[in-house]
Amino acid sequence: MKSSRQSNPAVSEGPAVRGRILVLDDDRATQLSVSEQLMALGFEVVLTESTTPWLSRIESELGNGSLSGMLVELTIPVTRGLAKLQVICDRYPQIPMIVMSDAKNITGLRRAVDLGAREYLVKPFDAELLRRKCLGVFVARSHSTA
């Protein structure tokens, strides 16, 4: 199990740390790009490899403190598709999730939202779209529950 926690203490907008986001994606380039953008928004990022048992990782992160949200690639093997996503949404409805995948899986992305994901991103997506969706899902949620 390999993970890295990264944070950016010098953020110009909002609080120093807005919360922790778990990023689950097989593609290292996507992990790094997404984590860099999230850190620029003031989030602490937890990267998880696809070989890590997903439920165990979520439970571990919840045990370490607050988990503000998850960005999840829909088609990686550990998610086992929509059935596993449904389990996560049912078990942890308090954790907002944004699912990601390419355009050929748009039906799966929409179904994931029907099952409980808050938003979806179609890859490749631009930095502005990621920023808007993450702020809308992860920050708006924390202000509405405060």
C-alpha atoms as a PDB file:
ATOM      1  CA  MET A   1       0.000   0.000   0.000  1.00  0.00           C
ATOM      2  CA  LYS A   2       1.546   3.215  -1.142  1.00  0.00           C
ATOM      3  CA  SER A   3       0.018   6.586  -0.410  1.00  0.00           C
ATOM      4  CA  SER A   4       1.244  10.078  -0.023  1.00  0.00           C
ATOM      5  CA  ARG A   5      -0.224  12.976   1.833  1.00  0.00           C
ATOM      6  CA  GLN A   6       0.442  16.294   0.317  1.00  0.00           C
ATOM      7  CA  SER A   7      -0.596  19.761   1.371  1.00  0.00           C
ATOM      8  CA  ASN A   8       0.103  23.297   0.273  1.00  0.00           C
ATOM      9  CA  PRO A   9       0.425  25.687   3.220  1.00  0.00           C
ATOM     10  CA  ALA A  10       0.560  28.840   1.089  1.00  0.00           C
ATOM     11  CA  VAL A  11      -2.845  29.159  -0.551  1.00  0.00           C
ATOM     12  CA  SER A  12      -4.190  32.548  -1.484  1.00  0.00           C
ATOM     13  CA  GLU A  13      -7.906  31.785  -1.503  1.00  0.00           C
ATOM     14  CA  GLY A  14      -9.813  30.521   1.548  1.00  0.00           C
ATOM     15  CA  PRO A  15      -8.518  28.734   4.640  1.00  0.00           C
ATOM     16  CA  ALA A  16      -5.066  27.131   4.784  1.00  0.00           C
ATOM     17  CA  VAL A  17      -6.533  23.633   4.563  1.00  0.00           C
ATOM     18  CA  ARG A  18     -10.069  23.118   3.315  1.00  0.00           C
ATOM     19  CA  GLY A  19     -10.094  19.404   4.016  1.00  0.00           C
ATOM     20  CA  ARG A  20      -8.738  16.051   2.858  1.00  0.00           C
ATOM     21  CA  ILE A  21      -9.558  14.525  -0.502  1.00  0.00           C
ATOM     22  CA  LEU A  22      -8.890  10.876  -1.348  1.00  0.00           C
ATOM     23  CA  VAL A  23      -7.864  10.438  -5.007  1.00  0.00           C
ATOM     24  CA  LEU A  24      -8.227   6.931  -6.422  1.00  0.00           C
ATOM     25  CA  ASP A  25      -6.996   6.508  -9.993  1.00  0.00           C
ATOM     26  CA  ASP A  26      -4.652   4.036 -11.729  1.00  0.00           C
ATOM     27  CA  ASP A  27      -3.090   6.687 -13.931  1.00  0.00           C
ATOM     28  CA  ARG A  28      -0.146   8.325 -12.167  1.00  0.00           C
ATOM     29  CA  ALA A  29      -0.266  11.392 -14.434  1.00  0.00           C
ATOM     30  CA  THR A  30      -3.933  11.954 -13.537  1.00  0.00           C
ATOM     31  CA  GLN A  31      -3.179  11.461  -9.831  1.00  0.00           C
ATOM     32  CA  LEU A  32      -0.409  14.043  -9.925  1.00  0.00           C
ATOM     33  CA  SER A  33      -2.327  16.567 -12.016  1.00  0.00           C
ATOM     34  CA  VAL A  34      -5.464  16.326  -9.901  1.00  0.00           C
ATOM     35  CA  SER A  35      -3.533  16.430  -6.622  1.00  0.00           C
ATOM     36  CA  GLU A  36      -1.573  19.503  -7.727  1.00  0.00           C
ATOM     37  CA  GLN A  37      -4.791  21.307  -8.606  1.00  0.00           C
ATOM     38  CA  LEU A  38      -6.485  20.283  -5.358  1.00  0.00           C
ATOM     39  CA  MET A  39      -3.505  21.470  -3.312  1.00  0.00           C
ATOM     40  CA  ALA A  40      -3.652  24.832  -5.100  1.00  0.00           C
ATOM     41  CA  LEU A  41      -7.260  25.076  -3.876  1.00  0.00           C
ATOM     42  CA  GLY A  42      -6.159  24.423  -0.294  1.00  0.00           C
ATOM     43  CA  PHE A  43      -6.968  20.735   0.067  1.00  0.00           C
ATOM     44  CA  GLU A  44      -4.769  18.073   1.597  1.00  0.00           C
ATOM     45  CA  VAL A  45      -4.532  15.186  -0.875  1.00  0.00           C
ATOM     46  CA  VAL A  46      -4.322  11.479  -0.139  1.00  0.00           C
ATOM     47  CA  LEU A  47      -3.244   9.387  -3.135  1.00  0.00           C
ATOM     48  CA  THR A  48      -4.116   5.707  -3.190  1.00  0.00           C
ATOM     49  CA  GLU A  49      -3.025   3.029  -5.603  1.00  0.00           C
ATOM     50  CA  SER A  50      -5.652   0.820  -7.166  1.00  0.00           C
ATOM     51  CA  THR A  51      -4.266  -2.269  -5.408  1.00  0.00           C
ATOM     52  CA  THR A  52      -5.286  -0.879  -2.018  1.00  0.00           C
ATOM     53  CA  PRO A  53      -8.606  -2.297  -0.735  1.00  0.00           C
ATOM     54  CA  TRP A  54     -10.925   0.656  -1.182  1.00  0.00           C
ATOM     55  CA  LEU A  55     -13.228   0.153   1.804  1.00  0.00           C
ATOM     56  CA  SER A  56     -10.271  -0.390   4.117  1.00  0.00           C
ATOM     57  CA  ARG A  57      -8.606   2.777   2.853  1.00  0.00           C
ATOM     58  CA  ILE A  58     -11.740   4.875   3.374  1.00  0.00           C
ATOM     59  CA  GLU A  59     -12.199   3.482   6.879  1.00  0.00           C
ATOM     60  CA  SER A  60      -8.538   4.159   7.648  1.00  0.00           C
ATOM     61  CA  GLU A  61      -8.824   7.744   6.429  1.00  0.00           C
ATOM     62  CA  LEU A  62     -11.992   8.302   8.440  1.00  0.00           C
ATOM     63  CA  GLY A  63     -10.168   6.948  11.484  1.00  0.00           C
ATOM     64  CA  ASN A  64      -7.342   9.463  10.910  1.00  0.00           C
ATOM     65  CA  GLY A  65      -9.709  12.401  10.914  1.00  0.00           C
ATOM     66  CA  SER A  66     -12.140  14.044   8.577  1.00  0.00           C
ATOM     67  CA  LEU A  67     -12.335  13.015   4.949  1.00  0.00           C
ATOM     68  CA  SER A  68     -13.854  15.863   2.937  1.00  0.00           C
ATOM     69  CA  GLY A  69     -14.400  13.953  -0.270  1.00  0.00           C
ATOM     70  CA  MET A  70     -13.239  11.488  -2.890  1.00  0.00           C
ATOM     71  CA  LEU A  71     -12.276  11.732  -6.553  1.00  0.00           C
ATOM     72  CA  VAL A  72     -12.612   8.260  -8.051  1.00  0.00           C
ATOM     73  CA  GLU A  73     -11.865   6.806 -11.477  1.00  0.00           C
ATOM     74  CA  LEU A  74     -14.959   4.749 -12.237  1.00  0.00           C
ATOM     75  CA  THR A  75     -13.297   2.024 -14.302  1.00  0.00           C
ATOM     76  CA  ILE A  76     -10.349   0.961 -12.138  1.00  0.00           C
ATOM     77  CA  PRO A  77     -10.499  -2.664 -10.989  1.00  0.00           C
ATOM     78  CA  VAL A  78     -10.758  -1.928  -7.265  1.00  0.00           C
ATOM     79  CA  THR A  79     -14.095  -0.140  -7.710  1.00  0.00           C
ATOM     80  CA  ARG A  80     -15.579  -3.183  -9.456  1.00  0.00           C
ATOM     81  CA  GLY A  81     -17.807  -0.794 -11.320  1.00  0.00           C
ATOM     82  CA  LEU A  82     -21.114   0.521 -10.155  1.00  0.00           C
ATOM     83  CA  ALA A  83     -21.912  -2.222  -7.645  1.00  0.00           C
ATOM     84  CA  LYS A  84     -18.925  -1.281  -5.470  1.00  0.00           C
ATOM     85  CA  LEU A  85     -19.729   2.409  -5.898  1.00  0.00           C
ATOM     86  CA  GLN A  86     -23.242   1.744  -4.600  1.00  0.00           C
ATOM     87  CA  VAL A  87     -21.809   0.094  -1.485  1.00  0.00           C
ATOM     88  CA  ILE A  88     -19.573   3.104  -0.846  1.00  0.00           C
ATOM     89  CA  CYS A  89     -22.390   5.605  -1.372  1.00  0.00           C
ATOM     90  CA  ASP A  90     -24.703   3.603   0.908  1.00  0.00           C
ATOM     91  CA  ARG A  91     -22.093   3.094   3.635  1.00  0.00           C
ATOM     92  CA  TYR A  92     -20.573   6.603   3.553  1.00  0.00           C
ATOM     93  CA  PRO A  93     -23.248   9.012   2.288  1.00  0.00           C
ATOM     94  CA  GLN A  94     -21.614  11.829   4.259  1.00  0.00           C
ATOM     95  CA  ILE A  95     -18.507  11.742   2.044  1.00  0.00           C
ATOM     96  CA  PRO A  96     -19.108  13.565  -1.228  1.00  0.00           C
ATOM     97  CA  MET A  97     -17.733  11.810  -4.284  1.00  0.00           C
ATOM     98  CA  ILE A  98     -16.858  12.960  -7.777  1.00  0.00           C
ATOM     99  CA  VAL A  99     -16.389  10.148 -10.296  1.00  0.00           C
ATOM    100  CA  MET A 100     -14.152  10.396 -13.363  1.00  0.00           C
ATOM    101  CA  SER A 101     -13.893   8.448 -16.601  1.00  0.00           C
ATOM    102  CA  ASP A 102     -13.540   8.948 -20.329  1.00  0.00           C
ATOM    103  CA  ALA A 103     -16.353   9.838 -22.721  1.00  0.00           C
ATOM    104  CA  LYS A 104     -16.975   6.222 -23.758  1.00  0.00           C
ATOM    105  CA  ASN A 105     -18.198   5.590 -20.193  1.00  0.00           C
ATOM    106  CA  ILE A 106     -20.639   8.519 -19.972  1.00  0.00           C
ATOM    107  CA  THR A 107     -23.551   6.172 -19.224  1.00  0.00           C
ATOM    108  CA  GLY A 108     -21.640   4.719 -16.265  1.00  0.00           C
ATOM    109  CA  LEU A 109     -20.788   8.191 -14.994  1.00  0.00           C
ATOM    110  CA  ARG A 110     -24.424   9.273 -15.105  1.00  0.00           C
ATOM    111  CA  ARG A 111     -25.474   6.052 -13.385  1.00  0.00           C
ATOM    112  CA  ALA A 112     -22.851   6.716 -10.676  1.00  0.00           C
ATOM    113  CA  VAL A 113     -24.531  10.065  -9.990  1.00  0.00           C
ATOM    114  CA  ASP A 114     -27.894   8.295  -9.778  1.00  0.00           C
ATOM    115  CA  LEU A 115     -26.326   5.954  -7.187  1.00  0.00           C
ATOM    116  CA  GLY A 116     -25.004   8.763  -4.997  1.00  0.00           C
ATOM    117  CA  ALA A 117     -21.909  10.383  -6.500  1.00  0.00           C
ATOM    118  CA  ARG A 118     -22.345  14.166  -6.356  1.00  0.00           C
ATOM    119  CA  GLU A 119     -20.732  14.969  -9.726  1.00  0.00           C
ATOM    120  CA  TYR A 120     -18.784  13.488 -12.596  1.00  0.00           C
ATOM    121  CA  LEU A 121     -15.895  14.583 -14.779  1.00  0.00           C
ATOM    122  CA  VAL A 122     -15.293  13.362 -18.318  1.00  0.00           C
ATOM    123  CA  LYS A 123     -11.592  12.865 -19.080  1.00  0.00           C
ATOM    124  CA  PRO A 124      -9.715  14.736 -20.281  1.00  0.00           C
ATOM    125  CA  PHE A 125     -11.053  17.681 -18.300  1.00  0.00           C
ATOM    126  CA  ASP A 126      -9.565  21.124 -17.900  1.00  0.00           C
ATOM    127  CA  ALA A 127      -8.333  22.712 -14.690  1.00  0.00           C
ATOM    128  CA  GLU A 128     -11.203  25.222 -14.508  1.00  0.00           C
ATOM    129  CA  LEU A 129     -13.861  22.516 -14.677  1.00  0.00           C
ATOM    130  CA  LEU A 130     -12.091  20.500 -11.972  1.00  0.00           C
ATOM    131  CA  ARG A 131     -11.814  23.647  -9.816  1.00  0.00           C
ATOM    132  CA  ARG A 132     -15.509  24.522 -10.160  1.00  0.00           C
ATOM    133  CA  LYS A 133     -16.740  21.011  -9.466  1.00  0.00           C
ATOM    134  CA  CYS A 134     -14.418  20.428  -6.488  1.00  0.00           C
ATOM    135  CA  LEU A 135     -15.273  23.761  -4.894  1.00  0.00           C
ATOM    136  CA  GLY A 136     -18.967  23.169  -5.530  1.00  0.00           C
ATOM    137  CA  VAL A 137     -19.000  19.656  -4.112  1.00  0.00           C
ATOM    138  CA  PHE A 138     -16.331  19.677  -1.403  1.00  0.00           C
ATOM    139  CA  VAL A 139     -16.381  23.284  -0.138  1.00  0.00           C
ATOM    140  CA  ALA A 140     -20.088  24.019  -0.491  1.00  0.00           C
ATOM    141  CA  ARG A 141     -20.775  20.812   1.455  1.00  0.00           C
ATOM    142  CA  SER A 142     -18.522  21.770   4.358  1.00  0.00           C
ATOM    143  CA  HIS A 143     -20.125  25.206   4.653  1.00  0.00           C
ATOM    144  CA  SER A 144     -23.643  23.799   4.553  1.00  0.00           C
ATOM    145  CA  THR A 145     -22.889  21.327   7.368  1.00  0.00           C
ATOM    146  CA  ALA A 146     -21.008  23.797   9.577  1.00  0.00           C
END
